[in-house]
Amino acid sequence: MDKNMFLVGLLIALLLAIFLSPFASPWPDGLEKVAENKGFINLGEVQPVITSPIPDYVWPGIKSERLATSVAGLVGTLILCGSGLGLGYFLKK
């Protein structure tokens, strides 16, 4: 893959994460809504093996919910990109 194309794609992904993530719906998704309505939402709540570094897309220490969501989107995109690069590097060898 061309390095410039990768950087352009990463830049687009970061811009989308920063500017569109604050507009994500705060309401539960369909599966969560059905679980709430049918009364079995608590059955799926177990202690996670790995705790989330950004729980509920709220960045600790940032008071503005929109800004915290943007930062969470930015960090999440960078983590996912880094993981993909690391996995690609590992699989290439």
C-alpha atoms as a PDB file:
ATOM      1  CA  MET A   1       0.000   0.000   0.000  1.00  0.00           C
ATOM      2  CA  ASP A   2       1.186   3.474  -0.832  1.00  0.00           C
ATOM      3  CA  LYS A   3       2.209   5.392   2.295  1.00  0.00           C
ATOM      4  CA  ASN A   4       0.481   8.577   1.119  1.00  0.00           C
ATOM      5  CA  MET A   5      -2.799   6.748   0.521  1.00  0.00           C
ATOM      6  CA  PHE A   6      -2.590   5.264   4.008  1.00  0.00           C
ATOM      7  CA  LEU A   7      -2.026   8.704   5.541  1.00  0.00           C
ATOM      8  CA  VAL A   8      -4.913  10.209   3.580  1.00  0.00           C
ATOM      9  CA  GLY A   9      -7.194   7.380   4.717  1.00  0.00           C
ATOM     10  CA  LEU A  10      -6.069   7.787   8.309  1.00  0.00           C
ATOM     11  CA  LEU A  11      -6.632  11.546   8.155  1.00  0.00           C
ATOM     12  CA  ILE A  12     -10.151  11.046   6.766  1.00  0.00           C
ATOM     13  CA  ALA A  13     -10.922   8.462   9.478  1.00  0.00           C
ATOM     14  CA  LEU A  14      -9.633  10.807  12.195  1.00  0.00           C
ATOM     15  CA  LEU A  15     -11.646  13.750  10.882  1.00  0.00           C
ATOM     16  CA  LEU A  16     -14.786  11.618  10.734  1.00  0.00           C
ATOM     17  CA  ALA A  17     -14.152  10.347  14.267  1.00  0.00           C
ATOM     18  CA  ILE A  18     -13.576  13.845  15.630  1.00  0.00           C
ATOM     19  CA  PHE A  19     -16.425  15.674  13.911  1.00  0.00           C
ATOM     20  CA  LEU A  20     -19.140  13.015  13.567  1.00  0.00           C
ATOM     21  CA  SER A  21     -18.833  11.073  16.832  1.00  0.00           C
ATOM     22  CA  PRO A  22     -20.559  13.812  18.906  1.00  0.00           C
ATOM     23  CA  PHE A  23     -23.661  13.265  16.756  1.00  0.00           C
ATOM     24  CA  ALA A  24     -23.959   9.557  17.618  1.00  0.00           C
ATOM     25  CA  SER A  25     -27.289   8.561  19.082  1.00  0.00           C
ATOM     26  CA  PRO A  26     -27.356   8.492  22.890  1.00  0.00           C
ATOM     27  CA  TRP A  27     -30.230   5.970  22.862  1.00  0.00           C
ATOM     28  CA  PRO A  28     -29.659   2.225  23.177  1.00  0.00           C
ATOM     29  CA  ASP A  29     -29.334   0.131  20.034  1.00  0.00           C
ATOM     30  CA  GLY A  30     -32.071  -2.318  19.012  1.00  0.00           C
ATOM     31  CA  LEU A  31     -30.745  -5.326  20.905  1.00  0.00           C
ATOM     32  CA  GLU A  32     -30.225  -3.346  24.093  1.00  0.00           C
ATOM     33  CA  LYS A  33     -33.713  -1.837  23.814  1.00  0.00           C
ATOM     34  CA  VAL A  34     -35.333  -5.273  23.430  1.00  0.00           C
ATOM     35  CA  ALA A  35     -33.345  -6.570  26.418  1.00  0.00           C
ATOM     36  CA  GLU A  36     -34.602  -3.621  28.480  1.00  0.00           C
ATOM     37  CA  ASN A  37     -38.216  -4.100  27.347  1.00  0.00           C
ATOM     38  CA  LYS A  38     -38.185  -7.862  27.999  1.00  0.00           C
ATOM     39  CA  GLY A  39     -36.454  -7.440  31.363  1.00  0.00           C
ATOM     40  CA  PHE A  40     -33.290  -9.454  30.784  1.00  0.00           C
ATOM     41  CA  ILE A  41     -30.792  -6.609  30.344  1.00  0.00           C
ATOM     42  CA  ASN A  42     -29.117  -7.439  33.685  1.00  0.00           C
ATOM     43  CA  LEU A  43     -28.393 -11.017  32.627  1.00  0.00           C
ATOM     44  CA  GLY A  44     -25.810  -9.794  30.138  1.00  0.00           C
ATOM     45  CA  GLU A  45     -23.942  -7.646  32.622  1.00  0.00           C
ATOM     46  CA  VAL A  46     -20.859  -9.504  33.759  1.00  0.00           C
ATOM     47  CA  GLN A  47     -17.487  -8.326  34.983  1.00  0.00           C
ATOM     48  CA  PRO A  48     -15.431  -7.658  31.839  1.00  0.00           C
ATOM     49  CA  VAL A  49     -12.126  -9.439  31.345  1.00  0.00           C
ATOM     50  CA  ILE A  50     -10.560  -6.189  30.175  1.00  0.00           C
ATOM     51  CA  THR A  51     -11.999  -2.881  31.345  1.00  0.00           C
ATOM     52  CA  SER A  52     -12.641  -0.215  28.759  1.00  0.00           C
ATOM     53  CA  PRO A  53     -10.153   2.661  28.737  1.00  0.00           C
ATOM     54  CA  ILE A  54     -12.981   4.950  27.557  1.00  0.00           C
ATOM     55  CA  PRO A  55     -16.209   3.698  29.160  1.00  0.00           C
ATOM     56  CA  ASP A  56     -19.383   4.975  27.460  1.00  0.00           C
ATOM     57  CA  TYR A  57     -17.249   7.197  25.221  1.00  0.00           C
ATOM     58  CA  VAL A  58     -16.654   9.622  28.075  1.00  0.00           C
ATOM     59  CA  TRP A  59     -13.074  10.754  28.454  1.00  0.00           C
ATOM     60  CA  PRO A  60     -12.156  11.220  32.131  1.00  0.00           C
ATOM     61  CA  GLY A  61     -11.419  14.811  33.088  1.00  0.00           C
ATOM     62  CA  ILE A  62     -13.209  16.444  30.149  1.00  0.00           C
ATOM     63  CA  LYS A  63     -16.400  18.161  31.271  1.00  0.00           C
ATOM     64  CA  SER A  64     -17.882  18.780  27.809  1.00  0.00           C
ATOM     65  CA  GLU A  65     -19.675  15.622  26.667  1.00  0.00           C
ATOM     66  CA  ARG A  66     -19.267  16.513  22.971  1.00  0.00           C
ATOM     67  CA  LEU A  67     -15.539  17.158  23.333  1.00  0.00           C
ATOM     68  CA  ALA A  68     -15.068  13.979  25.392  1.00  0.00           C
ATOM     69  CA  THR A  69     -16.874  11.961  22.702  1.00  0.00           C
ATOM     70  CA  SER A  70     -14.670  13.518  20.004  1.00  0.00           C
ATOM     71  CA  VAL A  71     -11.517  12.689  21.943  1.00  0.00           C
ATOM     72  CA  ALA A  72     -12.785   9.138  22.511  1.00  0.00           C
ATOM     73  CA  GLY A  73     -13.410   8.799  18.764  1.00  0.00           C
ATOM     74  CA  LEU A  74      -9.930  10.109  17.985  1.00  0.00           C
ATOM     75  CA  VAL A  75      -8.198   7.810  20.473  1.00  0.00           C
ATOM     76  CA  GLY A  76     -10.304   4.819  19.442  1.00  0.00           C
ATOM     77  CA  THR A  77      -9.466   5.375  15.780  1.00  0.00           C
ATOM     78  CA  LEU A  78      -5.754   5.600  16.561  1.00  0.00           C
ATOM     79  CA  ILE A  79      -5.901   2.438  18.699  1.00  0.00           C
ATOM     80  CA  LEU A  80      -7.702   0.536  15.959  1.00  0.00           C
ATOM     81  CA  CYS A  81      -5.298   1.785  13.274  1.00  0.00           C
ATOM     82  CA  GLY A  82      -2.279   0.884  15.398  1.00  0.00           C
ATOM     83  CA  SER A  83      -3.714  -2.558  16.118  1.00  0.00           C
ATOM     84  CA  GLY A  84      -4.308  -3.127  12.419  1.00  0.00           C
ATOM     85  CA  LEU A  85      -0.787  -2.030  11.523  1.00  0.00           C
ATOM     86  CA  GLY A  86       0.679  -4.246  14.231  1.00  0.00           C
ATOM     87  CA  LEU A  87      -1.353  -7.245  13.134  1.00  0.00           C
ATOM     88  CA  GLY A  88      -0.405  -6.633   9.494  1.00  0.00           C
ATOM     89  CA  TYR A  89       3.257  -6.401  10.410  1.00  0.00           C
ATOM     90  CA  PHE A  90       3.039  -9.595  12.447  1.00  0.00           C
ATOM     91  CA  LEU A  91       1.202 -11.517   9.717  1.00  0.00           C
ATOM     92  CA  LYS A  92       3.546 -10.269   7.000  1.00  0.00           C
ATOM     93  CA  LYS A  93       6.496 -12.009   8.656  1.00  0.00           C
END
